[in-house]
Full PDB file with SEQRES, HELIX, SHEET, SSBOND, CRYST1, ORIGX, SCALE, CONECT and MASTER records, all heavy atoms in Angstrom:
SEQRES   1 A   38  PRO VAL GLU ARG ARG ALA ARG VAL ASP THR VAL VAL ARG          
SEQRES   2 A   38  ARG ILE GLY ASP ALA ILE GLU LEU GLY LEU LEU ALA ASP          
SEQRES   3 A   38  GLY GLU GLN LEU PRO GLY GLU SER GLU LEU ALA GLY              
HELIX    1 AA1 ARG A    7  LEU A   21  1                                  15    
HELIX    2 AA2 GLU A   33  ALA A   37  1                                   5    
CRYST1    1.000    1.000    1.000  90.00  90.00  90.00 P 1           1          
ORIGX1      1.000000  0.000000  0.000000        0.00000                         
ORIGX2      0.000000  1.000000  0.000000        0.00000                         
ORIGX3      0.000000  0.000000  1.000000        0.00000                         
SCALE1      1.000000  0.000000  0.000000        0.00000                         
SCALE2      0.000000  1.000000  0.000000        0.00000                         
SCALE3      0.000000  0.000000  1.000000        0.00000                         
ATOM      1  N   PRO A   1       0.822  -1.226   0.000  1.00  0.00           N  
ATOM      2  CA  PRO A   1       0.001   0.002   0.000  1.00  0.00           C  
ATOM      3  C   PRO A   1       0.848   1.258   0.001  1.00  0.00           C  
ATOM      4  O   PRO A   1       1.881   1.330   0.666  1.00  0.00           O  
ATOM      5  CB  PRO A   1      -0.806  -0.136   1.309  1.00  0.00           C  
ATOM      6  CG  PRO A   1      -0.902  -1.603   1.534  1.00  0.00           C  
ATOM      7  CD  PRO A   1       0.424  -2.160   1.063  1.00  0.00           C  
ATOM      8  N   VAL A   2       0.408   2.259  -0.745  1.00  0.00           N  
ATOM      9  CA  VAL A   2       1.154   3.513  -0.860  1.00  0.00           C  
ATOM     10  C   VAL A   2       0.678   4.502   0.199  1.00  0.00           C  
ATOM     11  O   VAL A   2      -0.355   4.320   0.833  1.00  0.00           O  
ATOM     12  CB  VAL A   2       0.989   4.134  -2.267  1.00  0.00           C  
ATOM     13  CG1 VAL A   2       1.491   3.193  -3.337  1.00  0.00           C  
ATOM     14  CG2 VAL A   2      -0.472   4.509  -2.532  1.00  0.00           C  
ATOM     15  N   GLU A   3       1.463   5.570   0.383  1.00  0.00           N  
ATOM     16  CA  GLU A   3       1.123   6.593   1.346  1.00  0.00           C  
ATOM     17  C   GLU A   3      -0.153   7.335   0.918  1.00  0.00           C  
ATOM     18  O   GLU A   3      -0.527   7.314  -0.253  1.00  0.00           O  
ATOM     19  CB  GLU A   3       2.285   7.591   1.477  1.00  0.00           C  
ATOM     20  CG  GLU A   3       3.578   6.980   2.015  1.00  0.00           C  
ATOM     21  CD  GLU A   3       4.379   6.255   0.949  1.00  0.00           C  
ATOM     22  OE1 GLU A   3       3.937   6.249  -0.225  1.00  0.00           O  
ATOM     23  OE2 GLU A   3       5.435   5.693   1.290  1.00  0.00           O  
ATOM     24  N   ARG A   4      -0.768   8.004   1.876  1.00  0.00           N  
ATOM     25  CA  ARG A   4      -2.059   8.630   1.585  1.00  0.00           C  
ATOM     26  C   ARG A   4      -1.941   9.867   0.709  1.00  0.00           C  
ATOM     27  O   ARG A   4      -2.826  10.157  -0.075  1.00  0.00           O  
ATOM     28  CB  ARG A   4      -2.774   8.996   2.901  1.00  0.00           C  
ATOM     29  CG  ARG A   4      -3.234   7.761   3.676  1.00  0.00           C  
ATOM     30  CD  ARG A   4      -4.114   8.147   4.847  1.00  0.00           C  
ATOM     31  NE  ARG A   4      -4.637   6.955   5.491  1.00  0.00           N  
ATOM     32  CZ  ARG A   4      -5.701   6.278   5.100  1.00  0.00           C  
ATOM     33  NH1 ARG A   4      -6.364   6.673   4.041  1.00  0.00           N  
ATOM     34  NH2 ARG A   4      -6.111   5.207   5.738  1.00  0.00           N  
ATOM     35  N   ARG A   5      -0.877  10.645   0.870  1.00  0.00           N  
ATOM     36  CA  ARG A   5      -0.764  11.894   0.124  1.00  0.00           C  
ATOM     37  C   ARG A   5      -0.139  11.668  -1.248  1.00  0.00           C  
ATOM     38  O   ARG A   5       0.746  10.840  -1.400  1.00  0.00           O  
ATOM     39  CB  ARG A   5       0.065  12.905   0.924  1.00  0.00           C  
ATOM     40  CG  ARG A   5      -0.690  13.454   2.129  1.00  0.00           C  
ATOM     41  CD  ARG A   5       0.166  14.422   2.917  1.00  0.00           C  
ATOM     42  NE  ARG A   5       1.252  13.754   3.616  1.00  0.00           N  
ATOM     43  CZ  ARG A   5       2.091  14.380   4.424  1.00  0.00           C  
ATOM     44  NH1 ARG A   5       2.003  15.675   4.609  1.00  0.00           N  
ATOM     45  NH2 ARG A   5       3.049  13.705   5.032  1.00  0.00           N  
ATOM     46  N   ALA A   6      -0.602  12.436  -2.218  1.00  0.00           N  
ATOM     47  CA  ALA A   6      -0.048  12.383  -3.578  1.00  0.00           C  
ATOM     48  C   ALA A   6      -0.016  10.950  -4.092  1.00  0.00           C  
ATOM     49  O   ALA A   6       1.003  10.468  -4.578  1.00  0.00           O  
ATOM     50  CB  ALA A   6       1.342  13.004  -3.610  1.00  0.00           C  
ATOM     51  N   ARG A   7      -1.154  10.262  -4.002  1.00  0.00           N  
ATOM     52  CA  ARG A   7      -1.160   8.835  -4.310  1.00  0.00           C  
ATOM     53  C   ARG A   7      -0.869   8.537  -5.767  1.00  0.00           C  
ATOM     54  O   ARG A   7      -0.220   7.541  -6.063  1.00  0.00           O  
ATOM     55  CB  ARG A   7      -2.502   8.227  -3.882  1.00  0.00           C  
ATOM     56  CG  ARG A   7      -2.604   8.071  -2.378  1.00  0.00           C  
ATOM     57  CD  ARG A   7      -3.790   7.227  -1.981  1.00  0.00           C  
ATOM     58  NE  ARG A   7      -3.646   6.755  -0.614  1.00  0.00           N  
ATOM     59  CZ  ARG A   7      -4.407   5.819  -0.082  1.00  0.00           C  
ATOM     60  NH1 ARG A   7      -5.345   5.241  -0.793  1.00  0.00           N  
ATOM     61  NH2 ARG A   7      -4.224   5.431   1.171  1.00  0.00           N  
ATOM     62  N   VAL A   8      -1.379   9.339  -6.698  1.00  0.00           N  
ATOM     63  CA  VAL A   8      -1.106   9.083  -8.115  1.00  0.00           C  
ATOM     64  C   VAL A   8       0.398   9.151  -8.360  1.00  0.00           C  
ATOM     65  O   VAL A   8       0.990   8.245  -8.958  1.00  0.00           O  
ATOM     66  CB  VAL A   8      -1.853  10.086  -9.022  1.00  0.00           C  
ATOM     67  CG1 VAL A   8      -1.397   9.920 -10.464  1.00  0.00           C  
ATOM     68  CG2 VAL A   8      -3.354   9.871  -8.930  1.00  0.00           C  
ATOM     69  N   ASP A   9       1.030  10.222  -7.884  1.00  0.00           N  
ATOM     70  CA  ASP A   9       2.474  10.376  -8.071  1.00  0.00           C  
ATOM     71  C   ASP A   9       3.238   9.243  -7.404  1.00  0.00           C  
ATOM     72  O   ASP A   9       4.253   8.760  -7.934  1.00  0.00           O  
ATOM     73  CB  ASP A   9       2.949  11.709  -7.498  1.00  0.00           C  
ATOM     74  CG  ASP A   9       2.460  12.897  -8.319  1.00  0.00           C  
ATOM     75  OD1 ASP A   9       2.051  12.680  -9.473  1.00  0.00           O  
ATOM     76  OD2 ASP A   9       2.490  14.026  -7.805  1.00  0.00           O  
ATOM     77  N   THR A  10       2.764   8.808  -6.239  1.00  0.00           N  
ATOM     78  CA  THR A  10       3.449   7.734  -5.515  1.00  0.00           C  
ATOM     79  C   THR A  10       3.366   6.426  -6.279  1.00  0.00           C  
ATOM     80  O   THR A  10       4.349   5.680  -6.377  1.00  0.00           O  
ATOM     81  CB  THR A  10       2.850   7.560  -4.107  1.00  0.00           C  
ATOM     82  OG1 THR A  10       2.954   8.795  -3.399  1.00  0.00           O  
ATOM     83  CG2 THR A  10       3.602   6.495  -3.327  1.00  0.00           C  
ATOM     84  N   VAL A  11       2.200   6.122  -6.841  1.00  0.00           N  
ATOM     85  CA  VAL A  11       2.038   4.896  -7.621  1.00  0.00           C  
ATOM     86  C   VAL A  11       2.920   4.941  -8.862  1.00  0.00           C  
ATOM     87  O   VAL A  11       3.599   3.962  -9.203  1.00  0.00           O  
ATOM     88  CB  VAL A  11       0.560   4.683  -8.013  1.00  0.00           C  
ATOM     89  CG1 VAL A  11       0.419   3.516  -8.994  1.00  0.00           C  
ATOM     90  CG2 VAL A  11      -0.284   4.405  -6.771  1.00  0.00           C  
ATOM     91  N   VAL A  12       2.924   6.080  -9.539  1.00  0.00           N  
ATOM     92  CA  VAL A  12       3.755   6.236 -10.748  1.00  0.00           C  
ATOM     93  C   VAL A  12       5.223   6.022 -10.401  1.00  0.00           C  
ATOM     94  O   VAL A  12       5.942   5.283 -11.089  1.00  0.00           O  
ATOM     95  CB  VAL A  12       3.559   7.632 -11.375  1.00  0.00           C  
ATOM     96  CG1 VAL A  12       4.570   7.885 -12.480  1.00  0.00           C  
ATOM     97  CG2 VAL A  12       2.143   7.753 -11.924  1.00  0.00           C  
ATOM     98  N   ARG A  13       5.677   6.658  -9.324  1.00  0.00           N  
ATOM     99  CA  ARG A  13       7.083   6.527  -8.945  1.00  0.00           C  
ATOM    100  C   ARG A  13       7.402   5.094  -8.512  1.00  0.00           C  
ATOM    101  O   ARG A  13       8.442   4.540  -8.897  1.00  0.00           O  
ATOM    102  CB  ARG A  13       7.396   7.495  -7.805  1.00  0.00           C  
ATOM    103  CG  ARG A  13       8.876   7.523  -7.432  1.00  0.00           C  
ATOM    104  CD  ARG A  13       9.177   8.658  -6.464  1.00  0.00           C  
ATOM    105  NE  ARG A  13       8.465   8.527  -5.198  1.00  0.00           N  
ATOM    106  CZ  ARG A  13       7.446   9.290  -4.834  1.00  0.00           C  
ATOM    107  NH1 ARG A  13       7.014  10.255  -5.631  1.00  0.00           N  
ATOM    108  NH2 ARG A  13       6.857   9.107  -3.671  1.00  0.00           N  
ATOM    109  N   ARG A  14       6.519   4.476  -7.740  1.00  0.00           N  
ATOM    110  CA  ARG A  14       6.772   3.115  -7.243  1.00  0.00           C  
ATOM    111  C   ARG A  14       6.907   2.122  -8.391  1.00  0.00           C  
ATOM    112  O   ARG A  14       7.872   1.347  -8.450  1.00  0.00           O  
ATOM    113  CB  ARG A  14       5.615   2.711  -6.330  1.00  0.00           C  
ATOM    114  CG  ARG A  14       5.654   1.274  -5.803  1.00  0.00           C  
ATOM    115  CD  ARG A  14       6.498   1.128  -4.575  1.00  0.00           C  
ATOM    116  NE  ARG A  14       5.977   1.879  -3.458  1.00  0.00           N  
ATOM    117  CZ  ARG A  14       4.942   1.477  -2.687  1.00  0.00           C  
ATOM    118  NH1 ARG A  14       4.338   0.333  -2.946  1.00  0.00           N  
ATOM    119  NH2 ARG A  14       4.545   2.193  -1.665  1.00  0.00           N  
ATOM    120  N   ILE A  15       5.940   2.133  -9.304  1.00  0.00           N  
ATOM    121  CA  ILE A  15       5.977   1.163 -10.407  1.00  0.00           C  
ATOM    122  C   ILE A  15       7.061   1.539 -11.409  1.00  0.00           C  
ATOM    123  O   ILE A  15       7.782   0.676 -11.921  1.00  0.00           O  
ATOM    124  CB  ILE A  15       4.595   1.076 -11.081  1.00  0.00           C  
ATOM    125  CG1 ILE A  15       3.572   0.520 -10.082  1.00  0.00           C  
ATOM    126  CG2 ILE A  15       4.660   0.185 -12.326  1.00  0.00           C  
ATOM    127  CD1 ILE A  15       2.156   0.436 -10.619  1.00  0.00           C  
ATOM    128  N   GLY A  16       7.208   2.850 -11.675  1.00  0.00           N  
ATOM    129  CA  GLY A  16       8.245   3.281 -12.607  1.00  0.00           C  
ATOM    130  C   GLY A  16       9.639   2.918 -12.114  1.00  0.00           C  
ATOM    131  O   GLY A  16      10.477   2.442 -12.905  1.00  0.00           O  
ATOM    132  N   ASP A  17       9.892   3.124 -10.828  1.00  0.00           N  
ATOM    133  CA  ASP A  17      11.198   2.766 -10.272  1.00  0.00           C  
ATOM    134  C   ASP A  17      11.452   1.261 -10.405  1.00  0.00           C  
ATOM    135  O   ASP A  17      12.564   0.830 -10.724  1.00  0.00           O  
ATOM    136  CB  ASP A  17      11.277   3.154  -8.792  1.00  0.00           C  
ATOM    137  CG  ASP A  17      11.422   4.658  -8.591  1.00  0.00           C  
ATOM    138  OD1 ASP A  17      11.600   5.384  -9.591  1.00  0.00           O  
ATOM    139  OD2 ASP A  17      11.355   5.106  -7.429  1.00  0.00           O  
ATOM    140  N   ALA A  18      10.428   0.444 -10.146  1.00  0.00           N  
ATOM    141  CA  ALA A  18      10.576  -1.009 -10.220  1.00  0.00           C  
ATOM    142  C   ALA A  18      10.879  -1.447 -11.654  1.00  0.00           C  
ATOM    143  O   ALA A  18      11.660  -2.385 -11.872  1.00  0.00           O  
ATOM    144  CB  ALA A  18       9.301  -1.692  -9.713  1.00  0.00           C  
ATOM    145  N   ILE A  19      10.290  -0.770 -12.624  1.00  0.00           N  
ATOM    146  CA  ILE A  19      10.552  -1.103 -14.034  1.00  0.00           C  
ATOM    147  C   ILE A  19      11.981  -0.722 -14.401  1.00  0.00           C  
ATOM    148  O   ILE A  19      12.718  -1.503 -15.020  1.00  0.00           O  
ATOM    149  CB  ILE A  19       9.541  -0.400 -14.955  1.00  0.00           C  
ATOM    150  CG1 ILE A  19       8.131  -0.980 -14.733  1.00  0.00           C  
ATOM    151  CG2 ILE A  19       9.952  -0.542 -16.418  1.00  0.00           C  
ATOM    152  CD1 ILE A  19       7.027  -0.197 -15.420  1.00  0.00           C  
ATOM    153  N   GLU A  20      12.394   0.481 -14.027  1.00  0.00           N  
ATOM    154  CA  GLU A  20      13.747   0.945 -14.334  1.00  0.00           C  
ATOM    155  C   GLU A  20      14.797   0.020 -13.733  1.00  0.00           C  
ATOM    156  O   GLU A  20      15.840  -0.246 -14.340  1.00  0.00           O  
ATOM    157  CB  GLU A  20      13.949   2.370 -13.803  1.00  0.00           C  
ATOM    158  CG  GLU A  20      13.067   3.429 -14.446  1.00  0.00           C  
ATOM    159  CD  GLU A  20      13.673   4.001 -15.708  1.00  0.00           C  
ATOM    160  OE1 GLU A  20      14.717   3.477 -16.153  1.00  0.00           O  
ATOM    161  OE2 GLU A  20      13.111   4.971 -16.232  1.00  0.00           O  
ATOM    162  N   LEU A  21      14.506  -0.494 -12.530  1.00  0.00           N  
ATOM    163  CA  LEU A  21      15.468  -1.324 -11.818  1.00  0.00           C  
ATOM    164  C   LEU A  21      15.465  -2.770 -12.277  1.00  0.00           C  
ATOM    165  O   LEU A  21      16.403  -3.515 -12.017  1.00  0.00           O  
ATOM    166  CB  LEU A  21      15.164  -1.254 -10.315  1.00  0.00           C  
ATOM    167  CG  LEU A  21      16.171  -1.824  -9.329  1.00  0.00           C  
ATOM    168  CD1 LEU A  21      17.543  -1.194  -9.535  1.00  0.00           C  
ATOM    169  CD2 LEU A  21      15.703  -1.597  -7.902  1.00  0.00           C  
ATOM    170  N   GLY A  22      14.412  -3.168 -12.996  1.00  0.00           N  
ATOM    171  CA  GLY A  22      14.327  -4.542 -13.455  1.00  0.00           C  
ATOM    172  C   GLY A  22      13.624  -5.469 -12.495  1.00  0.00           C  
ATOM    173  O   GLY A  22      13.613  -6.687 -12.693  1.00  0.00           O  
ATOM    174  N   LEU A  23      13.005  -4.922 -11.424  1.00  0.00           N  
ATOM    175  CA  LEU A  23      12.214  -5.765 -10.534  1.00  0.00           C  
ATOM    176  C   LEU A  23      10.973  -6.277 -11.245  1.00  0.00           C  
ATOM    177  O   LEU A  23      10.454  -7.349 -10.919  1.00  0.00           O  
ATOM    178  CB  LEU A  23      11.807  -4.981  -9.277  1.00  0.00           C  
ATOM    179  CG  LEU A  23      12.939  -4.652  -8.297  1.00  0.00           C  
ATOM    180  CD1 LEU A  23      12.438  -3.733  -7.207  1.00  0.00           C  
ATOM    181  CD2 LEU A  23      13.521  -5.931  -7.712  1.00  0.00           C  
ATOM    182  N   LEU A  24      10.480  -5.499 -12.186  1.00  0.00           N  
ATOM    183  CA  LEU A  24       9.386  -5.926 -13.059  1.00  0.00           C  
ATOM    184  C   LEU A  24       9.987  -6.109 -14.454  1.00  0.00           C  
ATOM    185  O   LEU A  24      10.599  -5.192 -14.996  1.00  0.00           O  
ATOM    186  CB  LEU A  24       8.260  -4.891 -13.078  1.00  0.00           C  
ATOM    187  CG  LEU A  24       7.603  -4.614 -11.717  1.00  0.00           C  
ATOM    188  CD1 LEU A  24       6.559  -3.511 -11.842  1.00  0.00           C  
ATOM    189  CD2 LEU A  24       6.971  -5.876 -11.145  1.00  0.00           C  
ATOM    190  N   ALA A  25       9.800  -7.279 -15.017  1.00  0.00           N  
ATOM    191  CA  ALA A  25      10.491  -7.638 -16.255  1.00  0.00           C  
ATOM    192  C   ALA A  25       9.844  -7.004 -17.479  1.00  0.00           C  
ATOM    193  O   ALA A  25       8.630  -6.764 -17.507  1.00  0.00           O  
ATOM    194  CB  ALA A  25      10.509  -9.163 -16.418  1.00  0.00           C  
ATOM    195  N   ASP A  26      10.655  -6.746 -18.483  1.00  0.00           N  
ATOM    196  CA  ASP A  26      10.156  -6.208 -19.742  1.00  0.00           C  
ATOM    197  C   ASP A  26       9.121  -7.174 -20.330  1.00  0.00           C  
ATOM    198  O   ASP A  26       9.372  -8.379 -20.451  1.00  0.00           O  
ATOM    199  CB  ASP A  26      11.327  -6.047 -20.714  1.00  0.00           C  
ATOM    200  CG  ASP A  26      10.943  -5.271 -21.955  1.00  0.00           C  
ATOM    201  OD1 ASP A  26      10.059  -4.403 -21.871  1.00  0.00           O  
ATOM    202  OD2 ASP A  26      11.541  -5.525 -23.019  1.00  0.00           O  
ATOM    203  N   GLY A  27       7.935  -6.656 -20.670  1.00  0.00           N  
ATOM    204  CA  GLY A  27       6.869  -7.490 -21.222  1.00  0.00           C  
ATOM    205  C   GLY A  27       5.988  -8.156 -20.185  1.00  0.00           C  
ATOM    206  O   GLY A  27       4.978  -8.774 -20.539  1.00  0.00           O  
ATOM    207  N   GLU A  28       6.339  -8.043 -18.913  1.00  0.00           N  
ATOM    208  CA  GLU A  28       5.543  -8.673 -17.857  1.00  0.00           C  
ATOM    209  C   GLU A  28       4.172  -8.004 -17.739  1.00  0.00           C  
ATOM    210  O   GLU A  28       4.061  -6.782 -17.819  1.00  0.00           O  
ATOM    211  CB  GLU A  28       6.282  -8.552 -16.524  1.00  0.00           C  
ATOM    212  CG  GLU A  28       5.519  -9.106 -15.331  1.00  0.00           C  
ATOM    213  CD  GLU A  28       6.310  -9.010 -14.032  1.00  0.00           C  
ATOM    214  OE1 GLU A  28       7.548  -8.797 -14.102  1.00  0.00           O  
ATOM    215  OE2 GLU A  28       5.696  -9.146 -12.964  1.00  0.00           O  
ATOM    216  N   GLN A  29       3.146  -8.808 -17.549  1.00  0.00           N  
ATOM    217  CA  GLN A  29       1.805  -8.260 -17.386  1.00  0.00           C  
ATOM    218  C   GLN A  29       1.574  -7.882 -15.928  1.00  0.00           C  
ATOM    219  O   GLN A  29       1.831  -8.679 -15.013  1.00  0.00           O  
ATOM    220  CB  GLN A  29       0.739  -9.269 -17.823  1.00  0.00           C  
ATOM    221  CG  GLN A  29      -0.682  -8.689 -17.751  1.00  0.00           C  
ATOM    222  CD  GLN A  29      -1.719  -9.616 -18.360  1.00  0.00           C  
ATOM    223  OE1 GLN A  29      -1.421 -10.755 -18.718  1.00  0.00           O  
ATOM    224  NE2 GLN A  29      -2.942  -9.130 -18.489  1.00  0.00           N  
ATOM    225  N   LEU A  30       1.114  -6.657 -15.714  1.00  0.00           N  
ATOM    226  CA  LEU A  30       0.779  -6.215 -14.368  1.00  0.00           C  
ATOM    227  C   LEU A  30      -0.533  -6.872 -13.925  1.00  0.00           C  
ATOM    228  O   LEU A  30      -1.336  -7.277 -14.769  1.00  0.00           O  
ATOM    229  CB  LEU A  30       0.637  -4.699 -14.326  1.00  0.00           C  
ATOM    230  CG  LEU A  30       1.895  -3.877 -14.636  1.00  0.00           C  
ATOM    231  CD1 LEU A  30       1.558  -2.390 -14.666  1.00  0.00           C  
ATOM    232  CD2 LEU A  30       2.984  -4.154 -13.611  1.00  0.00           C  
ATOM    233  N   PRO A  31      -0.758  -6.981 -12.621  1.00  0.00           N  
ATOM    234  CA  PRO A  31      -2.055  -7.487 -12.160  1.00  0.00           C  
ATOM    235  C   PRO A  31      -3.206  -6.649 -12.719  1.00  0.00           C  
ATOM    236  O   PRO A  31      -3.014  -5.483 -13.090  1.00  0.00           O  
ATOM    237  CB  PRO A  31      -1.964  -7.344 -10.635  1.00  0.00           C  
ATOM    238  CG  PRO A  31      -0.490  -7.363 -10.337  1.00  0.00           C  
ATOM    239  CD  PRO A  31       0.148  -6.668 -11.501  1.00  0.00           C  
ATOM    240  N   GLY A  32      -4.396  -7.242 -12.800  1.00  0.00           N  
ATOM    241  CA  GLY A  32      -5.561  -6.507 -13.281  1.00  0.00           C  
ATOM    242  C   GLY A  32      -5.836  -5.275 -12.433  1.00  0.00           C  
ATOM    243  O   GLY A  32      -5.378  -5.180 -11.283  1.00  0.00           O  
ATOM    244  N   GLU A  33      -6.578  -4.331 -12.993  1.00  0.00           N  
ATOM    245  CA  GLU A  33      -6.778  -3.043 -12.323  1.00  0.00           C  
ATOM    246  C   GLU A  33      -7.361  -3.198 -10.924  1.00  0.00           C  
ATOM    247  O   GLU A  33      -6.883  -2.564  -9.977  1.00  0.00           O  
ATOM    248  CB  GLU A  33      -7.693  -2.153 -13.172  1.00  0.00           C  
ATOM    249  CG  GLU A  33      -6.998  -1.573 -14.393  1.00  0.00           C  
ATOM    250  CD  GLU A  33      -7.865  -0.566 -15.125  1.00  0.00           C  
ATOM    251  OE1 GLU A  33      -9.038  -0.363 -14.696  1.00  0.00           O  
ATOM    252  OE2 GLU A  33      -7.402   0.022 -16.107  1.00  0.00           O  
ATOM    253  N   SER A  34      -8.391  -4.026 -10.760  1.00  0.00           N  
ATOM    254  CA  SER A  34      -9.019  -4.173  -9.443  1.00  0.00           C  
ATOM    255  C   SER A  34      -8.042  -4.775  -8.443  1.00  0.00           C  
ATOM    256  O   SER A  34      -7.920  -4.302  -7.308  1.00  0.00           O  
ATOM    257  CB  SER A  34     -10.271  -5.055  -9.543  1.00  0.00           C  
ATOM    258  OG  SER A  34     -11.242  -4.433 -10.356  1.00  0.00           O  
ATOM    259  N   GLU A  35      -7.332  -5.818  -8.869  1.00  0.00           N  
ATOM    260  CA  GLU A  35      -6.371  -6.462  -7.965  1.00  0.00           C  
ATOM    261  C   GLU A  35      -5.239  -5.514  -7.614  1.00  0.00           C  
ATOM    262  O   GLU A  35      -4.847  -5.397  -6.440  1.00  0.00           O  
ATOM    263  CB  GLU A  35      -5.806  -7.723  -8.612  1.00  0.00           C  
ATOM    264  CG  GLU A  35      -4.775  -8.426  -7.728  1.00  0.00           C  
ATOM    265  CD  GLU A  35      -4.074  -9.580  -8.419  1.00  0.00           C  
ATOM    266  OE1 GLU A  35      -4.499  -9.964  -9.530  1.00  0.00           O  
ATOM    267  OE2 GLU A  35      -3.085 -10.080  -7.847  1.00  0.00           O  
ATOM    268  N   LEU A  36      -4.689  -4.826  -8.629  1.00  0.00           N  
ATOM    269  CA  LEU A  36      -3.557  -3.943  -8.389  1.00  0.00           C  
ATOM    270  C   LEU A  36      -3.954  -2.774  -7.506  1.00  0.00           C  
ATOM    271  O   LEU A  36      -3.214  -2.394  -6.590  1.00  0.00           O  
ATOM    272  CB  LEU A  36      -2.995  -3.449  -9.731  1.00  0.00           C  
ATOM    273  CG  LEU A  36      -1.728  -2.591  -9.678  1.00  0.00           C  
ATOM    274  CD1 LEU A  36      -0.632  -3.278  -8.875  1.00  0.00           C  
ATOM    275  CD2 LEU A  36      -1.242  -2.292 -11.090  1.00  0.00           C  
ATOM    276  N   ALA A  37      -5.131  -2.195  -7.749  1.00  0.00           N  
ATOM    277  CA  ALA A  37      -5.602  -1.097  -6.902  1.00  0.00           C  
ATOM    278  C   ALA A  37      -5.757  -1.563  -5.463  1.00  0.00           C  
ATOM    279  O   ALA A  37      -5.378  -0.852  -4.518  1.00  0.00           O  
ATOM    280  CB  ALA A  37      -6.935  -0.564  -7.437  1.00  0.00           C  
ATOM    281  N   GLY A  38      -6.294  -2.771  -5.278  1.00  0.00           N  
ATOM    282  CA  GLY A  38      -6.469  -3.303  -3.931  1.00  0.00           C  
ATOM    283  C   GLY A  38      -5.142  -3.516  -3.227  1.00  0.00           C  
ATOM    284  O   GLY A  38      -4.981  -3.202  -2.038  1.00  0.00           O  
TER     285      GLY A  38                                                      
MASTER        0    0    0    2    0    0    0    6  284    1    0    3          
END                                                                             
């Protein structure tokens, strides 16, 4: 779960950082919207 303030920016930074670092693989499918939001 992300922090309460600036949640859109926090989600963008969290997932973007993971992609840049290779924690999430190129071409990998993210969880569905409902699951990921939860």
